[in-house]
Amino acid sequence: STGQPKGVAIQHSSASLFLRWAADEFTADEMSGVLASTSVCFDLSVFEIFAPLTVGGKLILVDNALELGRSEARDEVRLINTVPSAMTELVRQGSLPETVVTVNLAGEALGRRLVEQIYGLEHVGRVMNLYGPSEDTTYTTYVEVKRGEAGAVTIGRPVAQTSIYILDVRQEVVPIGVAGELYTSGEGLARCYEGRAEQTAERFVPDPYSGRAGARMYRTGDLCRYRGDGEIDYLGRVDQQVKVRGYRIELGEVEAALVSHPMVKEAVVVMREERGDKKIIAYVVEEWGVMELTASEMRRHLREKLPDYMVPTAFVKLDKLPMTPNGKVDRKALPVPDSLRPELEIGYVAPQTEMERIIADVCQQVLNIEKVGIHDNFFDLGAHSILLLQIHSKLEEVFDMKLSMTDMFEYPSINALSKYLTQAKSEEPSLQQGKSRAEARKKSAIVQNQARRRKGTMKKGKGSGGMG
């Protein structure tokens, strides 16, 4: 998931132990209908697929968790196991079936607000927060987050046959309440990184606390602390690894890929959160004496070296990087990107028809961009599946018609989508029924007014030569 694939060698015995824990923790009723939406390349799928099947339960298969509301089998789902960002969108859309009684959340930090939103649906009886790296067979700690509790959500306590240590830089145990790096040990530990002895030796180190000869522990790189009640607070990353929409991303790796471009002198990559959406932002200093470097060129260069989810949403060009007095990059002083249209290979073309203007207003509001041209690709503007679903939902409401998410991927520009919708309306008479044109115009006006108010309060970026 960091762009440099490494095989985590997990023994069958470790997976079996994990599944025995799941069978003890979750009831037969919960396992009678488990949503299976996670790629088999993502370790959450180990739980989704094998936990129900090993106890006689059932899987409800969908291509994407965000499509749950459209599944014919949605009312058979009792348990959902997904990442908080996807669950946030399911709740916002009102797509969580009333049959769901348990929600498992993992892969990202869980906020209290989302927990309360889920519990606001009276049919949900349990919200579980689960934490763990693939190197420890999917889940390492867990906690049932109680309804109505206050404060930050913890990552709970270790699963069965697992030990947790929070250590300082000398690998000595820190006192309760003091932050340190989380190490995990026990029967769920992976054997190694297949074919990567050096990387294995760096992360899988001797365990001096178990009392067993040859025991090992895994350095997670996560900053945590023990609370007085024995539960664990997750505080962030020891290094610069971040999680965006469930993907583990090493920001340093993105920086290295950027600097490998001959026109890039220096680069810093950070994660910023805006309106609940996490975005990767790149700050770049160009080499002098060469042709001007464009955002499109940097995006193209990175896509040749990294997975799409690691390519920054925005690129900001600076004359120089801000530095601290001791000579390190001052990340806190990096300017916030402005909301202008990113620099793209194609020029800006304004909307021409009423439908194009309505779609443009929706896109500008959701993507937080002042101008979206009719030929701009949504993905080049920083859209991802969740933002695309928000656009999809607003367009369904404004045009009073059903759209498939597949259509959004197939027609990823205002011009292409407008032509498709025009044709769909003309070919399907039922789409022309429903709300009056006056209502449609009213909804359009609401969307446009929201966009105007947003523009009026928008702050401009401070970046020199910022490209949004």
Protein backbone atom coordinates (compact mmCIF):
# COMPACT_ATOMS: atom_id res chain seq x y z
CA SER A 1 0.00 0.00 0.00
CA THR A 2 3.02 2.33 0.08
CA GLY A 3 3.71 2.00 -3.64
CA GLN A 4 6.60 -0.43 -3.11
CA PRO A 5 4.76 -3.76 -2.75
CA LYS A 6 5.91 -6.10 -0.01
CA GLY A 7 4.41 -9.47 0.82
CA VAL A 8 3.47 -9.91 4.48
CA ALA A 9 3.92 -13.64 5.14
CA ILE A 10 1.11 -14.66 7.50
CA GLN A 11 0.84 -18.25 8.69
CA HIS A 12 -2.46 -20.11 8.53
CA SER A 13 -2.25 -20.64 12.29
CA SER A 14 -2.25 -16.87 12.84
CA ALA A 15 -5.29 -16.41 10.61
CA SER A 16 -7.06 -19.28 12.37
CA LEU A 17 -6.37 -17.69 15.77
CA PHE A 18 -7.75 -14.38 14.51
CA LEU A 19 -10.91 -16.08 13.24
CA ARG A 20 -11.42 -17.91 16.54
CA TRP A 21 -11.30 -14.54 18.28
CA ALA A 22 -13.88 -13.17 15.82
CA ALA A 23 -16.17 -16.17 16.43
CA ASP A 24 -16.04 -15.51 20.17
CA GLU A 25 -16.56 -11.74 19.86
CA PHE A 26 -19.38 -11.62 17.29
CA THR A 27 -22.69 -13.44 17.53
CA ALA A 28 -24.24 -15.84 15.03
CA ASP A 29 -26.88 -13.19 14.30
CA GLU A 30 -24.23 -10.61 13.42
CA MET A 31 -22.44 -13.14 11.21
CA SER A 32 -25.66 -14.14 9.43
CA GLY A 33 -25.21 -11.29 6.94
CA VAL A 34 -21.79 -9.62 6.62
CA LEU A 35 -21.17 -7.01 3.93
CA ALA A 36 -18.17 -8.04 1.81
CA SER A 37 -16.99 -5.00 -0.13
CA THR A 38 -13.26 -4.80 0.57
CA SER A 39 -10.68 -5.72 -2.07
CA VAL A 40 -8.84 -8.98 -1.34
CA CYS A 41 -5.67 -6.85 -1.53
CA PHE A 42 -6.75 -5.11 1.71
CA ASP A 43 -6.49 -7.09 4.95
CA LEU A 44 -9.96 -6.10 6.17
CA SER A 45 -11.19 -8.68 3.66
CA VAL A 46 -9.79 -11.50 5.84
CA PHE A 47 -12.45 -10.68 8.41
CA GLU A 48 -15.24 -9.98 5.91
CA ILE A 49 -14.82 -13.23 3.97
CA PHE A 50 -13.61 -15.85 6.42
CA ALA A 51 -15.14 -14.78 9.76
CA PRO A 52 -18.75 -15.41 8.67
CA LEU A 53 -17.99 -18.45 6.52
CA THR A 54 -16.17 -20.28 9.32
CA VAL A 55 -19.26 -20.04 11.57
CA GLY A 56 -21.90 -20.81 8.96
CA GLY A 57 -22.75 -17.20 8.22
CA LYS A 58 -23.35 -15.44 4.90
CA LEU A 59 -21.59 -12.83 2.77
CA ILE A 60 -23.42 -10.01 1.01
CA LEU A 61 -21.21 -9.15 -1.96
CA VAL A 62 -21.10 -5.66 -3.47
CA ASP A 63 -18.52 -4.04 -5.74
CA ASN A 64 -18.13 -1.07 -3.42
CA ALA A 65 -19.40 -0.29 0.08
CA LEU A 66 -20.78 2.99 -1.26
CA GLU A 67 -23.13 1.00 -3.54
CA LEU A 68 -24.80 -0.75 -0.58
CA GLY A 69 -27.96 1.33 -0.81
CA ARG A 70 -28.58 0.01 -4.34
CA SER A 71 -27.93 -3.65 -3.61
CA GLU A 72 -30.94 -5.95 -3.92
CA ALA A 73 -29.64 -7.84 -0.87
CA ARG A 74 -29.11 -4.74 1.30
CA ASP A 75 -31.83 -5.77 3.77
CA GLU A 76 -29.94 -8.98 4.55
CA VAL A 77 -26.90 -7.12 5.92
CA ARG A 78 -26.45 -7.37 9.70
CA LEU A 79 -22.78 -6.34 10.06
CA ILE A 80 -20.69 -3.86 8.11
CA ASN A 81 -16.88 -3.86 8.32
CA THR A 82 -15.37 -0.83 6.56
CA VAL A 83 -13.30 2.35 6.90
CA PRO A 84 -14.68 5.50 8.63
CA SER A 85 -14.57 7.61 5.45
CA ALA A 86 -16.87 5.18 3.63
CA MET A 87 -19.19 4.90 6.63
CA THR A 88 -19.41 8.70 6.88
CA GLU A 89 -20.75 8.79 3.34
CA LEU A 90 -23.18 5.91 3.89
CA VAL A 91 -24.62 7.73 6.92
CA ARG A 92 -24.78 11.03 5.07
CA GLN A 93 -26.64 9.40 2.20
CA GLY A 94 -29.01 7.55 4.50
CA SER A 95 -27.88 4.31 2.83
CA LEU A 96 -27.38 2.20 5.95
CA PRO A 97 -30.10 -0.50 5.90
CA GLU A 98 -32.33 -0.81 8.97
CA THR A 99 -31.24 -4.45 9.27
CA VAL A 100 -27.67 -3.43 10.25
CA VAL A 101 -27.06 -4.00 13.97
CA THR A 102 -23.25 -3.81 14.16
CA VAL A 103 -20.73 -1.50 12.49
CA ASN A 104 -17.02 -2.34 12.55
CA LEU A 105 -14.69 0.55 11.68
CA ALA A 106 -10.98 0.15 10.96
CA GLY A 107 -8.17 1.44 8.76
CA GLU A 108 -8.42 5.09 9.82
CA ALA A 109 -8.71 7.10 13.03
CA LEU A 110 -12.31 7.12 14.29
CA GLY A 111 -13.90 10.36 15.46
CA ARG A 112 -16.59 10.66 18.12
CA ARG A 113 -18.91 12.61 15.80
CA LEU A 114 -19.23 9.71 13.37
CA VAL A 115 -19.92 7.30 16.25
CA GLU A 116 -22.80 9.45 17.46
CA GLN A 117 -24.16 9.79 13.93
CA ILE A 118 -24.21 5.99 13.61
CA TYR A 119 -25.87 5.56 16.99
CA GLY A 120 -28.41 8.14 15.86
CA LEU A 121 -29.76 5.28 13.73
CA GLU A 122 -31.69 3.39 16.38
CA HIS A 123 -31.29 0.00 14.71
CA VAL A 124 -27.48 0.01 15.28
CA GLY A 125 -26.65 -1.63 18.59
CA ARG A 126 -22.85 -1.82 18.45
CA VAL A 127 -20.06 0.31 16.99
CA MET A 128 -16.65 -1.35 17.14
CA ASN A 129 -13.33 0.43 16.64
CA LEU A 130 -10.63 -1.97 15.42
CA TYR A 131 -6.94 -1.28 14.93
CA GLY A 132 -4.07 -3.27 13.54
CA PRO A 133 -1.44 -3.57 10.83
CA SER A 134 -1.37 -6.40 8.28
CA GLU A 135 1.85 -7.53 9.97
CA ASP A 136 -0.25 -8.63 12.96
CA THR A 137 -2.97 -10.44 10.99
CA THR A 138 -5.53 -7.67 10.43
CA TYR A 139 -6.63 -6.62 13.93
CA THR A 140 -4.47 -6.06 17.00
CA THR A 141 -6.78 -4.16 19.35
CA TYR A 142 -10.50 -3.54 19.55
CA VAL A 143 -13.12 -1.73 21.60
CA GLU A 144 -16.88 -1.43 21.60
CA VAL A 145 -17.52 2.31 21.56
CA LYS A 146 -20.41 2.95 23.90
CA ARG A 147 -23.37 5.12 23.01
CA GLY A 148 -23.27 8.57 24.59
CA GLU A 149 -19.65 8.46 25.77
CA ALA A 150 -17.56 11.63 25.60
CA GLY A 151 -13.95 12.24 24.65
CA ALA A 152 -11.66 10.75 22.04
CA VAL A 153 -12.32 7.21 20.83
CA THR A 154 -9.60 4.79 21.98
CA ILE A 155 -8.31 1.78 20.06
CA GLY A 156 -9.17 -0.39 23.06
CA ARG A 157 -7.33 -3.48 24.26
CA PRO A 158 -5.45 -6.34 22.56
CA VAL A 159 -7.28 -9.18 20.83
CA ALA A 160 -6.71 -12.76 22.07
CA GLN A 161 -3.13 -14.05 22.27
CA THR A 162 -1.70 -10.57 21.60
CA SER A 163 0.59 -8.43 23.75
CA ILE A 164 0.98 -4.67 23.37
CA TYR A 165 4.00 -2.64 24.50
CA ILE A 166 4.36 1.13 24.31
CA LEU A 167 8.07 1.88 24.27
CA ASP A 168 10.43 4.83 24.01
CA VAL A 169 13.31 5.20 21.54
CA ARG A 170 15.41 2.82 23.69
CA GLN A 171 12.61 0.23 23.55
CA GLU A 172 11.91 0.68 27.24
CA VAL A 173 8.36 0.73 28.59
CA VAL A 174 6.96 4.23 29.08
CA PRO A 175 4.71 5.11 32.07
CA ILE A 176 0.93 5.21 31.76
CA GLY A 177 -0.14 8.42 30.05
CA VAL A 178 3.22 8.94 28.30
CA ALA A 179 3.37 8.66 24.50
CA GLY A 180 5.59 6.10 22.82
CA GLU A 181 5.73 3.80 19.81
CA LEU A 182 3.33 0.86 19.85
CA TYR A 183 4.89 -2.60 19.50
CA THR A 184 2.80 -5.74 19.13
CA SER A 185 3.75 -9.33 19.93
CA GLY A 186 2.03 -12.69 20.07
CA GLU A 187 0.66 -15.55 18.01
CA GLY A 188 -0.76 -13.29 15.30
CA LEU A 189 2.59 -11.84 14.28
CA ALA A 190 3.54 -12.33 10.63
CA ARG A 191 6.58 -14.42 9.81
CA CYS A 192 8.39 -11.79 7.73
CA TYR A 193 8.30 -9.57 4.67
CA GLU A 194 8.73 -12.17 1.97
CA GLY A 195 12.12 -11.82 0.28
CA ARG A 196 13.02 -8.66 2.23
CA ALA A 197 15.39 -9.69 4.99
CA GLU A 198 16.66 -6.18 5.73
CA GLN A 199 13.18 -4.72 6.04
CA THR A 200 12.08 -7.68 8.16
CA ALA A 201 15.02 -7.21 10.57
CA GLU A 202 14.20 -3.50 10.90
CA ARG A 203 10.54 -4.01 11.83
CA PHE A 204 10.39 -7.47 13.43
CA VAL A 205 12.71 -7.18 16.42
CA PRO A 206 13.49 -9.40 19.47
CA ASP A 207 10.86 -9.27 22.23
CA PRO A 208 12.60 -8.97 25.61
CA TYR A 209 9.32 -8.87 27.54
CA SER A 210 7.60 -12.12 26.62
CA GLY A 211 9.91 -14.48 28.53
CA ARG A 212 9.96 -16.87 25.55
CA ALA A 213 13.18 -17.67 23.71
CA GLY A 214 13.14 -16.36 20.14
CA ALA A 215 10.01 -14.25 20.64
CA ARG A 216 9.66 -11.20 18.40
CA MET A 217 7.66 -7.99 18.39
CA TYR A 218 6.63 -5.69 15.52
CA ARG A 219 7.34 -1.97 15.44
CA THR A 220 4.14 -0.36 14.14
CA GLY A 221 5.46 3.19 13.83
CA ASP A 222 2.26 4.40 15.55
CA LEU A 223 2.41 6.85 18.43
CA CYS A 224 0.16 5.72 21.31
CA ARG A 225 -0.23 5.87 25.08
CA TYR A 226 -1.85 3.73 27.74
CA ARG A 227 -4.69 5.27 29.70
CA GLY A 228 -5.30 4.58 33.38
CA ASP A 229 -8.19 2.23 32.55
CA GLY A 230 -5.93 0.02 30.39
CA GLU A 231 -7.24 1.22 27.04
CA ILE A 232 -4.93 2.74 24.42
CA ASP A 233 -5.06 6.17 22.80
CA TYR A 234 -3.89 6.43 19.18
CA LEU A 235 -2.01 9.72 18.70
CA GLY A 236 -0.67 9.56 15.14
CA ARG A 237 2.41 8.37 13.29
CA VAL A 238 5.94 8.34 14.63
CA ASP A 239 7.17 8.92 11.10
CA GLN A 240 5.34 10.63 8.26
CA GLN A 241 3.14 7.75 7.26
CA VAL A 242 -0.50 8.75 6.98
CA LYS A 243 -3.76 7.04 6.11
CA VAL A 244 -6.04 8.58 3.52
CA ARG A 245 -9.35 6.80 2.84
CA GLY A 246 -7.90 3.64 4.31
CA TYR A 247 -4.68 3.63 2.26
CA ARG A 248 -1.37 3.70 4.08
CA ILE A 249 0.83 6.35 2.45
CA GLU A 250 4.43 7.26 3.16
CA LEU A 251 4.64 10.97 2.38
CA GLY A 252 8.42 10.66 2.05
CA GLU A 253 7.95 8.22 -0.80
CA VAL A 254 5.81 10.72 -2.70
CA GLU A 255 8.46 13.37 -2.07
CA ALA A 256 11.19 11.09 -3.42
CA ALA A 257 9.17 10.39 -6.55
CA LEU A 258 8.65 14.11 -7.12
CA VAL A 259 12.31 14.98 -6.64
CA SER A 260 13.24 12.34 -9.21
CA HIS A 261 11.77 14.66 -11.86
CA PRO A 262 14.65 16.61 -13.47
CA MET A 263 12.79 19.92 -13.13
CA VAL A 264 12.09 19.57 -9.38
CA LYS A 265 14.71 20.95 -7.01
CA GLU A 266 12.93 20.36 -3.69
CA ALA A 267 9.58 18.94 -2.64
CA VAL A 268 7.57 18.54 0.54
CA VAL A 269 4.34 16.56 0.73
CA VAL A 270 1.80 16.91 3.53
CA MET A 271 -1.71 15.78 4.33
CA ARG A 272 -4.35 18.42 4.95
CA GLU A 273 -7.91 17.88 6.12
CA GLU A 274 -10.61 20.07 4.66
CA ARG A 275 -14.29 19.71 5.56
CA GLY A 276 -13.62 16.17 6.78
CA ASP A 277 -11.83 15.17 3.56
CA LYS A 278 -8.13 14.30 3.74
CA LYS A 279 -6.00 15.48 0.82
CA ILE A 280 -2.37 15.05 -0.15
CA ILE A 281 -0.74 18.39 -1.05
CA ALA A 282 2.65 18.77 -2.73
CA TYR A 283 4.86 21.88 -2.36
CA VAL A 284 7.53 22.16 -5.05
CA VAL A 285 10.57 24.36 -5.74
CA GLU A 286 11.60 24.31 -9.41
CA GLU A 287 15.10 24.06 -10.80
CA TRP A 288 16.19 27.41 -12.22
CA GLY A 289 17.09 27.80 -15.89
CA VAL A 290 14.65 25.21 -17.24
CA MET A 291 11.21 25.46 -18.84
CA GLU A 292 8.28 26.08 -16.50
CA LEU A 293 7.07 23.01 -14.63
CA THR A 294 3.31 22.43 -14.77
CA ALA A 295 1.04 20.57 -12.40
CA SER A 296 -0.02 18.33 -15.29
CA GLU A 297 3.59 17.32 -15.88
CA MET A 298 4.13 16.52 -12.20
CA ARG A 299 0.91 14.54 -12.08
CA ARG A 300 1.92 12.57 -15.18
CA HIS A 301 5.38 11.87 -13.74
CA LEU A 302 3.98 10.59 -10.43
CA ARG A 303 1.39 8.35 -12.08
CA GLU A 304 4.22 6.51 -13.80
CA LYS A 305 5.80 5.75 -10.41
CA LEU A 306 2.99 5.58 -7.83
CA PRO A 307 -0.54 4.27 -7.41
CA ASP A 308 -3.24 6.86 -8.19
CA TYR A 309 -4.24 7.27 -4.54
CA MET A 310 -0.71 8.50 -3.75
CA VAL A 311 -0.75 11.26 -6.38
CA PRO A 312 -1.32 14.63 -4.64
CA THR A 313 -4.62 16.40 -5.09
CA ALA A 314 -2.92 19.78 -5.44
CA PHE A 315 0.50 21.14 -6.32
CA VAL A 316 1.78 24.47 -4.98
CA LYS A 317 4.93 26.04 -6.45
CA LEU A 318 7.11 28.04 -4.06
CA ASP A 319 10.24 30.13 -4.57
CA LYS A 320 11.70 28.38 -1.52
CA LEU A 321 10.53 26.12 1.28
CA PRO A 322 9.96 27.72 4.71
CA MET A 323 12.61 26.63 7.21
CA THR A 324 12.83 26.45 11.00
CA PRO A 325 15.79 28.09 12.82
CA ASN A 326 17.54 24.70 13.00
CA GLY A 327 17.40 24.25 9.23
CA LYS A 328 14.48 21.85 8.88
CA VAL A 329 11.42 22.38 6.71
CA ASP A 330 8.77 24.26 8.68
CA ARG A 331 5.71 22.25 7.65
CA LYS A 332 3.38 24.41 9.75
CA ALA A 333 4.39 27.46 7.71
CA LEU A 334 3.46 25.91 4.37
CA PRO A 335 0.64 27.96 2.78
CA VAL A 336 -2.86 26.56 2.43
CA PRO A 337 -3.61 26.02 -1.28
CA ASP A 338 -6.16 28.39 -2.71
CA SER A 339 -9.37 27.17 -4.27
CA LEU A 340 -8.66 28.25 -7.82
CA ARG A 341 -8.97 25.75 -10.64
CA PRO A 342 -5.85 23.54 -10.79
CA GLU A 343 -3.60 23.91 -13.78
CA LEU A 344 -4.60 21.23 -16.30
CA GLU A 345 -3.43 20.22 -19.75
CA ILE A 346 -6.62 21.55 -21.30
CA GLY A 347 -7.75 25.16 -21.10
CA TYR A 348 -10.77 26.34 -19.16
CA VAL A 349 -14.06 26.29 -21.07
CA ALA A 350 -17.06 27.78 -19.29
CA PRO A 351 -20.43 26.02 -19.15
CA GLN A 352 -22.68 26.86 -22.10
CA THR A 353 -26.04 25.20 -21.38
CA GLU A 354 -28.28 25.28 -18.30
CA MET A 355 -27.50 21.63 -17.55
CA GLU A 356 -23.76 22.26 -17.78
CA ARG A 357 -24.08 25.24 -15.44
CA ILE A 358 -26.01 23.18 -12.88
CA ILE A 359 -23.45 20.36 -12.99
CA ALA A 360 -20.61 22.91 -12.72
CA ASP A 361 -22.19 24.53 -9.64
CA VAL A 362 -22.50 21.14 -7.94
CA CYS A 363 -18.89 20.20 -8.78
CA GLN A 364 -17.53 23.55 -7.57
CA GLN A 365 -19.40 23.21 -4.29
CA VAL A 366 -18.34 19.62 -3.57
CA LEU A 367 -14.73 19.95 -4.80
CA ASN A 368 -14.29 23.43 -3.25
CA ILE A 369 -12.98 24.85 -6.52
CA GLU A 370 -14.06 28.24 -7.85
CA LYS A 371 -14.13 27.31 -11.53
CA VAL A 372 -14.70 23.93 -13.15
CA GLY A 373 -14.51 23.80 -16.95
CA ILE A 374 -16.80 21.57 -18.97
CA HIS A 375 -13.88 19.46 -20.24
CA ASP A 376 -12.06 19.16 -16.89
CA ASN A 377 -11.70 15.57 -15.70
CA PHE A 378 -13.19 15.23 -12.21
CA PHE A 379 -10.25 13.08 -11.08
CA ASP A 380 -7.71 15.67 -12.22
CA LEU A 381 -9.57 18.16 -10.03
CA GLY A 382 -8.95 15.99 -6.97
CA ALA A 383 -12.15 13.94 -6.92
CA HIS A 384 -12.13 10.44 -5.46
CA SER A 385 -14.90 7.89 -4.98
CA ILE A 386 -16.46 9.55 -1.92
CA LEU A 387 -16.46 13.07 -3.41
CA LEU A 388 -17.79 11.61 -6.65
CA LEU A 389 -20.63 10.01 -4.71
CA GLN A 390 -21.50 13.40 -3.21
CA ILE A 391 -21.64 14.92 -6.70
CA HIS A 392 -23.72 11.94 -7.82
CA SER A 393 -26.19 12.40 -4.94
CA LYS A 394 -26.66 16.13 -5.51
CA LEU A 395 -27.21 15.64 -9.25
CA GLU A 396 -29.83 12.95 -8.59
CA GLU A 397 -31.65 15.41 -6.34
CA VAL A 398 -31.43 18.38 -8.69
CA PHE A 399 -32.44 16.49 -11.84
CA ASP A 400 -34.90 14.16 -10.06
CA MET A 401 -33.54 11.08 -11.80
CA LYS A 402 -31.57 7.97 -10.92
CA LEU A 403 -27.90 7.78 -11.88
CA SER A 404 -25.49 4.89 -11.57
CA MET A 405 -22.12 5.50 -9.96
CA THR A 406 -20.70 3.68 -12.97
CA ASP A 407 -21.96 6.56 -15.12
CA MET A 408 -19.92 9.00 -13.02
CA PHE A 409 -16.74 7.05 -13.77
CA GLU A 410 -17.69 6.58 -17.43
CA TYR A 411 -18.46 10.27 -18.05
CA PRO A 412 -15.97 12.09 -15.75
CA SER A 413 -16.43 15.63 -17.09
CA ILE A 414 -19.27 18.15 -17.20
CA ASN A 415 -19.49 18.01 -20.98
CA ALA A 416 -19.58 14.20 -21.19
CA LEU A 417 -21.99 13.86 -18.27
CA SER A 418 -24.30 16.55 -19.62
CA LYS A 419 -24.54 14.83 -23.02
CA TYR A 420 -25.25 11.49 -21.34
CA LEU A 421 -27.98 12.94 -19.09
CA THR A 422 -29.60 14.78 -21.99
CA GLN A 423 -29.74 11.57 -24.00
CA ALA A 424 -31.00 9.56 -21.02
CA LYS A 425 -33.82 12.01 -20.41
CA SER A 426 -34.90 11.92 -24.05
CA GLU A 427 -34.82 8.10 -24.24
CA GLU A 428 -36.64 7.42 -20.94
CA PRO A 429 -40.04 9.21 -20.71
CA SER A 430 -40.41 8.30 -17.04
CA LEU A 431 -37.43 10.46 -16.23
CA GLN A 432 -39.38 13.48 -17.47
CA GLN A 433 -42.12 12.83 -14.92
CA GLY A 434 -41.85 13.73 -11.25
CA LYS A 435 -41.21 17.22 -10.03
CA SER A 436 -42.12 20.27 -12.06
CA ARG A 437 -39.61 22.38 -13.94
CA ALA A 438 -40.21 25.14 -11.40
CA GLU A 439 -39.03 22.84 -8.61
CA ALA A 440 -36.00 21.81 -10.64
CA ARG A 441 -35.12 25.47 -11.24
CA LYS A 442 -35.57 26.15 -7.53
CA LYS A 443 -33.14 23.36 -6.61
CA SER A 444 -30.68 24.64 -9.18
CA ALA A 445 -30.91 28.12 -7.68
CA ILE A 446 -30.28 26.71 -4.19
CA VAL A 447 -27.13 24.91 -5.40
CA GLN A 448 -25.92 28.08 -7.17
CA ASN A 449 -26.59 30.26 -4.09
CA GLN A 450 -24.70 27.81 -1.87
CA ALA A 451 -21.78 27.97 -4.28
CA ARG A 452 -21.84 31.80 -4.28
CA ARG A 453 -21.93 31.98 -0.47
CA ARG A 454 -19.01 29.55 -0.32
CA LYS A 455 -17.00 31.69 -2.75
CA GLY A 456 -17.75 34.79 -0.71
CA THR A 457 -16.18 33.34 2.43
CA MET A 458 -13.36 31.49 0.74
CA LYS A 459 -9.80 32.24 1.86
CA LYS A 460 -7.09 32.66 -0.71
CA GLY A 461 -3.88 30.66 -0.48
CA LYS A 462 -0.61 32.33 0.37
CA GLY A 463 1.55 30.16 -1.87
CA SER A 464 3.78 31.90 -4.34
CA GLY A 465 2.66 30.64 -7.72
CA GLY A 466 0.08 28.35 -6.09
CA MET A 467 -1.65 26.05 -8.54
CA GLY A 468 -4.50 24.92 -6.32
